Protein backbone atom coordinates (compact mmCIF):
# COMPACT_ATOMS: atom_id res chain seq x y z
CA MET A 1 63.04 -24.09 6.56
CA SER A 2 61.45 -22.77 3.38
CA CYS A 3 62.44 -20.02 0.98
CA LEU A 4 59.80 -17.93 -0.78
CA ILE A 5 60.66 -17.40 -4.44
CA CYS A 6 58.58 -14.81 -6.28
CA GLY A 7 59.37 -14.57 -9.97
CA SER A 8 58.69 -16.01 -13.38
CA LEU A 9 58.18 -19.51 -14.69
CA ALA A 10 58.93 -19.60 -18.40
CA TYR A 11 59.76 -21.76 -21.35
CA ASP A 12 63.13 -20.89 -22.88
CA THR A 13 63.79 -21.46 -26.56
CA ILE A 14 67.58 -21.42 -26.78
CA MET A 15 69.51 -20.96 -30.00
CA ASP A 16 73.27 -20.98 -30.57
CA PHE A 17 74.85 -18.71 -33.16
CA GLY A 18 78.37 -19.78 -34.13
CA GLY A 19 79.60 -16.29 -35.03
CA ARG A 20 79.79 -12.95 -33.25
CA PHE A 21 76.88 -10.52 -33.17
CA ALA A 22 79.33 -7.63 -33.43
CA ASP A 23 80.47 -8.84 -36.85
CA HIS A 24 76.93 -8.56 -38.24
CA ILE A 25 75.72 -5.31 -36.70
CA LEU A 26 76.99 -2.12 -38.33
CA PRO A 27 77.37 0.63 -35.70
CA ASP A 28 76.44 3.40 -38.15
CA LYS A 29 73.27 1.52 -39.18
CA ILE A 30 71.97 0.67 -35.72
CA HIS A 31 68.96 2.96 -36.29
CA MET A 32 67.81 0.78 -39.20
CA ILE A 33 68.92 -2.64 -38.08
CA ASN A 34 67.75 -5.61 -40.17
CA VAL A 35 69.76 -8.74 -39.50
CA ALA A 36 69.21 -12.49 -39.48
CA PHE A 37 71.35 -15.06 -37.70
CA LEU A 38 71.62 -18.69 -38.74
CA VAL A 39 71.11 -20.87 -35.66
CA PRO A 40 71.80 -24.54 -36.43
CA THR A 41 70.81 -25.71 -32.95
CA LEU A 42 67.55 -25.03 -31.12
CA ARG A 43 66.11 -26.52 -27.97
CA ARG A 44 63.27 -25.80 -25.55
CA GLU A 45 64.05 -25.71 -21.85
CA PHE A 46 62.21 -25.10 -18.60
CA GLY A 47 63.23 -21.66 -17.36
CA GLY A 48 62.09 -18.45 -15.76
CA CYS A 49 63.94 -16.86 -12.84
CA ALA A 50 61.77 -18.42 -10.13
CA GLY A 51 61.99 -21.88 -11.68
CA ASN A 52 65.75 -21.64 -12.17
CA ILE A 53 66.44 -20.35 -8.66
CA ALA A 54 64.17 -22.98 -7.12
CA TYR A 55 65.93 -25.74 -9.08
CA SER A 56 69.40 -24.87 -7.74
CA LEU A 57 68.13 -24.27 -4.21
CA HIS A 58 66.41 -27.66 -4.30
CA LEU A 59 69.64 -29.38 -5.47
CA LEU A 60 71.26 -28.29 -2.20
CA GLY A 61 68.38 -29.64 -0.13
CA GLY A 62 66.48 -26.38 0.23
CA ASP A 63 62.69 -26.14 0.25
CA PRO A 64 61.65 -23.55 -2.35
CA VAL A 65 58.10 -22.20 -2.27
CA VAL A 66 57.44 -20.74 -5.71
CA VAL A 67 54.89 -17.96 -6.20
CA ALA A 68 54.34 -17.61 -9.95
CA ALA A 69 51.81 -17.62 -12.78
CA ILE A 70 51.70 -19.98 -15.75
CA GLY A 71 49.47 -20.07 -18.81
CA ALA A 72 47.16 -22.69 -20.21
CA ASP A 73 50.20 -24.34 -21.82
CA GLY A 74 51.89 -24.79 -18.45
CA VAL A 75 50.89 -28.38 -17.70
CA ASP A 76 54.38 -29.63 -18.60
CA TYR A 77 55.87 -27.24 -16.06
CA GLU A 78 53.46 -28.42 -13.38
CA THR A 79 54.49 -32.00 -14.10
CA ARG A 80 58.16 -31.07 -13.87
CA LEU A 81 57.77 -29.35 -10.49
CA ASP A 82 55.92 -32.41 -9.21
CA ARG A 83 58.66 -34.70 -10.46
CA LEU A 84 61.36 -32.59 -8.80
CA GLY A 85 59.43 -32.48 -5.53
CA ILE A 86 59.03 -28.67 -5.58
CA THR A 87 55.65 -27.54 -4.29
CA ARG A 88 53.36 -25.76 -6.73
CA ASP A 89 50.70 -24.90 -4.18
CA HIS A 90 51.23 -21.22 -5.03
CA VAL A 91 51.70 -21.59 -8.78
CA ARG A 92 48.50 -20.47 -10.48
CA MET A 93 47.39 -21.19 -14.05
CA MET A 94 45.91 -18.12 -15.74
CA PRO A 95 43.30 -19.14 -18.38
CA GLY A 96 43.56 -17.61 -21.82
CA THR A 97 47.28 -16.84 -21.53
CA HIS A 98 50.56 -18.41 -22.54
CA THR A 99 53.26 -19.25 -20.03
CA ALA A 100 56.01 -16.65 -20.29
CA GLN A 101 58.33 -17.37 -23.23
CA ALA A 102 61.97 -16.36 -23.68
CA HIS A 103 63.70 -16.78 -27.03
CA ILE A 104 67.42 -16.56 -26.34
CA MET A 105 70.20 -16.44 -28.92
CA THR A 106 73.82 -16.77 -27.77
CA ASP A 107 76.89 -16.02 -29.88
CA ARG A 108 80.37 -17.54 -29.61
CA ASP A 109 81.43 -14.86 -27.07
CA ASN A 110 78.44 -15.69 -24.84
CA ASN A 111 76.68 -12.44 -25.73
CA GLN A 112 72.93 -12.89 -25.76
CA ILE A 113 69.92 -11.40 -27.55
CA THR A 114 66.59 -12.22 -25.91
CA ALA A 115 62.98 -11.70 -26.97
CA PHE A 116 60.56 -12.15 -24.08
CA HIS A 117 56.77 -12.58 -24.03
CA PRO A 118 55.45 -12.14 -20.46
CA GLY A 119 52.10 -13.89 -20.93
CA ALA A 120 50.68 -15.12 -17.62
CA MET A 121 53.51 -13.45 -15.73
CA SER A 122 51.70 -10.13 -16.16
CA GLU A 123 48.96 -11.44 -13.86
CA ALA A 124 51.20 -12.83 -11.12
CA HIS A 125 50.29 -9.94 -8.80
CA ALA A 126 46.92 -11.68 -8.27
CA ILE A 127 48.69 -14.47 -6.34
CA PRO A 128 49.28 -13.46 -2.70
CA ILE A 129 52.35 -14.69 -0.87
CA PRO A 130 51.51 -17.51 1.54
CA SER A 131 51.64 -17.33 5.30
CA LEU A 132 53.78 -20.30 6.29
CA PRO A 133 55.55 -20.77 9.63
CA THR A 134 58.48 -22.45 7.88
CA LEU A 135 59.43 -19.43 5.74
CA ARG A 136 62.94 -18.23 6.60
CA LEU A 137 63.57 -15.73 3.83
CA GLY A 138 62.56 -14.89 0.26
CA ILE A 139 63.54 -13.29 -3.01
CA ILE A 140 61.86 -10.86 -5.37
CA ALA A 141 63.15 -12.02 -8.75
CA PRO A 142 62.17 -10.61 -12.17
CA ASP A 143 58.42 -10.92 -12.69
CA GLY A 144 55.52 -8.77 -13.81
CA ARG A 145 55.90 -5.16 -12.67
CA ASP A 146 52.82 -5.21 -10.44
CA ALA A 147 53.81 -8.59 -9.01
CA MET A 148 57.25 -7.33 -7.97
CA LEU A 149 55.75 -4.27 -6.27
CA THR A 150 52.96 -6.22 -4.59
CA HIS A 151 55.03 -9.17 -3.38
CA ALA A 152 57.80 -6.93 -2.02
CA ALA A 153 55.21 -4.99 -0.01
CA GLN A 154 53.65 -8.24 1.24
CA MET A 155 57.02 -9.67 2.30
CA ALA A 156 57.92 -6.48 4.14
CA GLU A 157 54.54 -6.47 5.90
CA ALA A 158 55.04 -10.12 6.90
CA ASP A 159 58.58 -9.39 8.18
CA ILE A 160 60.12 -11.92 5.79
CA PRO A 161 63.74 -10.95 5.07
CA PHE A 162 64.23 -10.92 1.32
CA VAL A 163 66.68 -10.42 -1.51
CA PHE A 164 65.78 -7.79 -4.10
CA ASP A 165 66.91 -9.15 -7.47
CA PRO A 166 65.46 -6.84 -10.16
CA GLY A 167 67.44 -8.41 -13.02
CA GLN A 168 66.12 -7.64 -16.47
CA GLY A 169 63.02 -6.14 -14.85
CA LEU A 170 65.03 -3.20 -13.52
CA PRO A 171 64.23 -0.82 -16.42
CA MET A 172 60.51 -1.01 -15.49
CA PHE A 173 61.13 1.07 -12.36
CA ASP A 174 62.20 4.66 -11.77
CA GLY A 175 64.60 5.83 -9.09
CA ALA A 176 61.95 6.42 -6.43
CA GLU A 177 60.46 2.96 -6.95
CA LEU A 178 63.88 1.32 -6.79
CA ASP A 179 64.65 3.22 -3.58
CA ALA A 180 61.38 1.89 -2.13
CA PHE A 181 62.36 -1.69 -3.02
CA ILE A 182 65.77 -1.21 -1.42
CA ALA A 183 64.20 0.22 1.74
CA LYS A 184 62.08 -2.92 2.16
CA ALA A 185 64.80 -5.45 1.25
CA ASP A 186 67.54 -6.98 3.37
CA TRP A 187 69.90 -7.72 0.48
CA VAL A 188 70.28 -6.57 -3.13
CA VAL A 189 71.81 -8.84 -5.78
CA VAL A 190 72.50 -7.56 -9.30
CA ASN A 191 75.04 -8.11 -12.07
CA ASP A 192 77.54 -5.41 -12.95
CA TYR A 193 75.42 -3.92 -15.75
CA GLU A 194 72.33 -3.84 -13.54
CA ALA A 195 74.39 -2.30 -10.72
CA ALA A 196 75.39 0.56 -13.01
CA MET A 197 71.76 1.14 -14.01
CA LEU A 198 70.58 0.89 -10.40
CA CYS A 199 73.15 3.46 -9.29
CA ASP A 200 72.30 5.75 -12.20
CA ARG A 201 68.57 5.70 -11.51
CA THR A 202 68.84 6.13 -7.75
CA GLY A 203 71.82 8.50 -7.78
CA ARG A 204 73.54 6.30 -5.21
CA THR A 205 76.78 4.32 -5.06
CA PRO A 206 76.90 0.60 -4.21
CA GLU A 207 78.45 1.50 -0.87
CA ASP A 208 75.56 3.88 -0.14
CA ILE A 209 72.94 1.33 -1.21
CA ALA A 210 74.53 -1.37 0.95
CA ARG A 211 74.71 0.92 3.97
CA GLY A 212 70.99 0.55 4.63
CA LEU A 213 70.99 -3.20 3.97
CA ARG A 214 72.50 -6.37 5.33
CA GLY A 215 74.56 -6.33 2.15
CA MET A 216 74.70 -6.04 -1.63
CA VAL A 217 76.25 -8.43 -4.14
CA VAL A 218 77.36 -7.44 -7.63
CA THR A 219 78.13 -10.42 -9.86
CA ARG A 220 80.71 -10.03 -12.63
CA GLY A 221 80.72 -13.33 -14.49
CA ALA A 222 84.23 -14.71 -14.94
CA GLN A 223 85.57 -11.92 -12.69
CA GLY A 224 83.66 -13.27 -9.69
CA CYS A 225 81.60 -10.89 -7.57
CA LEU A 226 81.82 -7.96 -5.19
CA VAL A 227 80.20 -8.10 -1.75
CA TYR A 228 79.35 -4.73 -0.18
CA GLU A 229 78.62 -4.55 3.52
CA ARG A 230 79.47 -2.38 6.51
CA GLY A 231 80.97 0.38 4.37
CA ALA A 232 83.50 -1.86 2.63
CA HIS A 233 83.59 -4.35 -0.20
CA THR A 234 85.12 -7.79 -0.64
CA GLU A 235 86.18 -9.32 -3.95
CA ILE A 236 85.18 -12.95 -4.33
CA ALA A 237 87.05 -14.76 -7.09
CA ALA A 238 85.13 -16.89 -9.57
CA LEU A 239 85.66 -20.59 -10.08
CA THR A 240 87.08 -21.90 -13.33
CA PRO A 241 84.28 -24.05 -14.75
CA ALA A 242 84.88 -27.48 -16.21
CA ALA A 243 83.62 -26.06 -19.52
CA THR A 244 81.86 -22.96 -20.79
CA VAL A 245 78.81 -24.30 -22.56
CA ASP A 246 75.82 -22.03 -21.92
CA PRO A 247 75.50 -18.92 -19.72
CA THR A 248 71.69 -19.04 -19.68
CA GLY A 249 70.51 -19.19 -16.07
CA CYS A 250 73.94 -18.78 -14.45
CA GLY A 251 72.79 -15.78 -12.47
CA ASP A 252 69.77 -17.69 -11.20
CA ALA A 253 71.94 -20.67 -10.24
CA PHE A 254 74.15 -18.25 -8.27
CA ARG A 255 71.08 -16.93 -6.45
CA GLY A 256 69.92 -20.46 -5.60
CA GLY A 257 73.26 -21.17 -3.94
CA LEU A 258 73.30 -17.79 -2.21
CA LEU A 259 69.79 -18.24 -0.79
CA TRP A 260 70.54 -21.71 0.52
CA ALA A 261 73.64 -20.45 2.31
CA LEU A 262 71.82 -17.44 3.76
CA GLU A 263 69.18 -19.85 5.10
CA GLN A 264 71.99 -21.63 6.95
CA GLY A 265 73.08 -18.38 8.59
CA TRP A 266 76.33 -18.06 6.61
CA THR A 267 78.00 -14.70 6.10
CA LEU A 268 77.12 -12.90 2.89
CA SER A 269 80.65 -13.45 1.53
CA ASP A 270 80.49 -17.21 2.10
CA ALA A 271 76.98 -17.28 0.63
CA ALA A 272 78.36 -15.55 -2.48
CA ARG A 273 81.10 -18.19 -2.66
CA MET A 274 78.47 -20.91 -2.66
CA GLY A 275 76.66 -18.98 -5.39
CA ASN A 276 79.85 -19.08 -7.44
CA VAL A 277 80.11 -22.85 -6.94
CA ILE A 278 76.61 -23.43 -8.31
CA GLY A 279 77.04 -20.91 -11.11
CA ALA A 280 80.23 -22.61 -12.30
CA ARG A 281 78.49 -25.97 -12.36
CA LYS A 282 75.58 -24.50 -14.34
CA ILE A 283 77.64 -22.84 -17.07
CA ALA A 284 79.16 -26.21 -17.94
CA CYS A 285 75.68 -27.52 -18.89
CA ALA A 286 73.28 -26.55 -21.64
CA GLY A 287 70.03 -25.06 -20.37
CA PRO A 288 69.18 -23.36 -17.06
CA GLN A 289 67.92 -26.45 -15.20
CA ASN A 290 70.07 -29.38 -16.32
CA HIS A 291 73.08 -29.14 -14.01
CA HIS A 292 73.47 -31.65 -11.20
CA LEU A 293 75.42 -31.75 -7.96
CA THR A 294 74.82 -32.80 -4.39
CA ARG A 295 75.18 -30.64 -1.32
CA ALA A 296 78.22 -32.72 -0.31
CA GLU A 297 79.83 -32.04 -3.68
CA ALA A 298 79.12 -28.32 -3.40
CA LEU A 299 80.61 -28.15 0.10
CA GLU A 300 83.70 -30.05 -1.03
CA THR A 301 84.16 -27.67 -3.96
CA LEU A 302 83.81 -24.74 -1.56
CA ARG A 303 86.57 -26.17 0.62
CA ALA A 304 88.85 -27.02 -2.29
CA THR A 305 88.42 -23.67 -4.06
CA TYR A 306 88.16 -21.17 -1.26
CA GLY A 307 89.50 -23.02 1.76
CA ARG A 308 86.15 -22.49 3.44
CA ASP A 309 84.96 -25.28 5.69
CA VAL A 310 81.41 -24.01 6.23
CA THR A 311 78.80 -26.53 7.22
CA PRO A 312 75.00 -26.30 7.28
CA ALA A 313 73.38 -25.17 10.51
């Protein structure tokens, strides 16, 4: 089985600010903001939603097929995918561009300020999704606007069940466009802030959105997640992580675990539990692709935390 992952590959420059953003931003001066934050630590990581999701899916033994664009500076990323054993047959280098770059600053309360340069990601729509007999499902993760529209239409035409995960790309779309995505998708996965924006732009409730889908998941960080399906919702408690080190990529780690479980035919609620397991492991590590665990460890954590003895198909 393979999982089609359409989204960004990016380099993340991650900085840690020891204070609180709120202590340095004056509410009555927000219209003329001019602030600087001292960041004693800085590191460069492999990131991007597609890369992060593929990494966690691969940890569990999944076979991610990444569809993404990189720039002329993307050779290091190609080498990394090769080393991990993740195919890059559908990763295309766009000459004259930079690989997407995210500059992420995190304060002591895990609030984040991000500056993002899309670079090659803006041309990802030129890469068609592959026709592979092994594809079981897919995900539309944040990417260039045209790429998200094009790849969603191609997945729907190919009858590939997919998760719609608009993430930070959600503001690029109006209500009608979001409704069109939802109509094509089988599942929607968003965090609580994105859920509020999605509902505001479409004029629909989560229950109404989920009614036309196989389900919708709203993640809530330390509060776990909500699973909407069949006119009702289920609260899934979060795990207590071994440490809270870096939230960057936690949502993508969750999606990697969720996709792997959906591939196995698990219920959406159990798939969300597996997402929580991977997300908790990720937050205890710095960077979006540095956490490690085996499938056996993940299944044991699922049993110990939730009392769920779910095994792969």
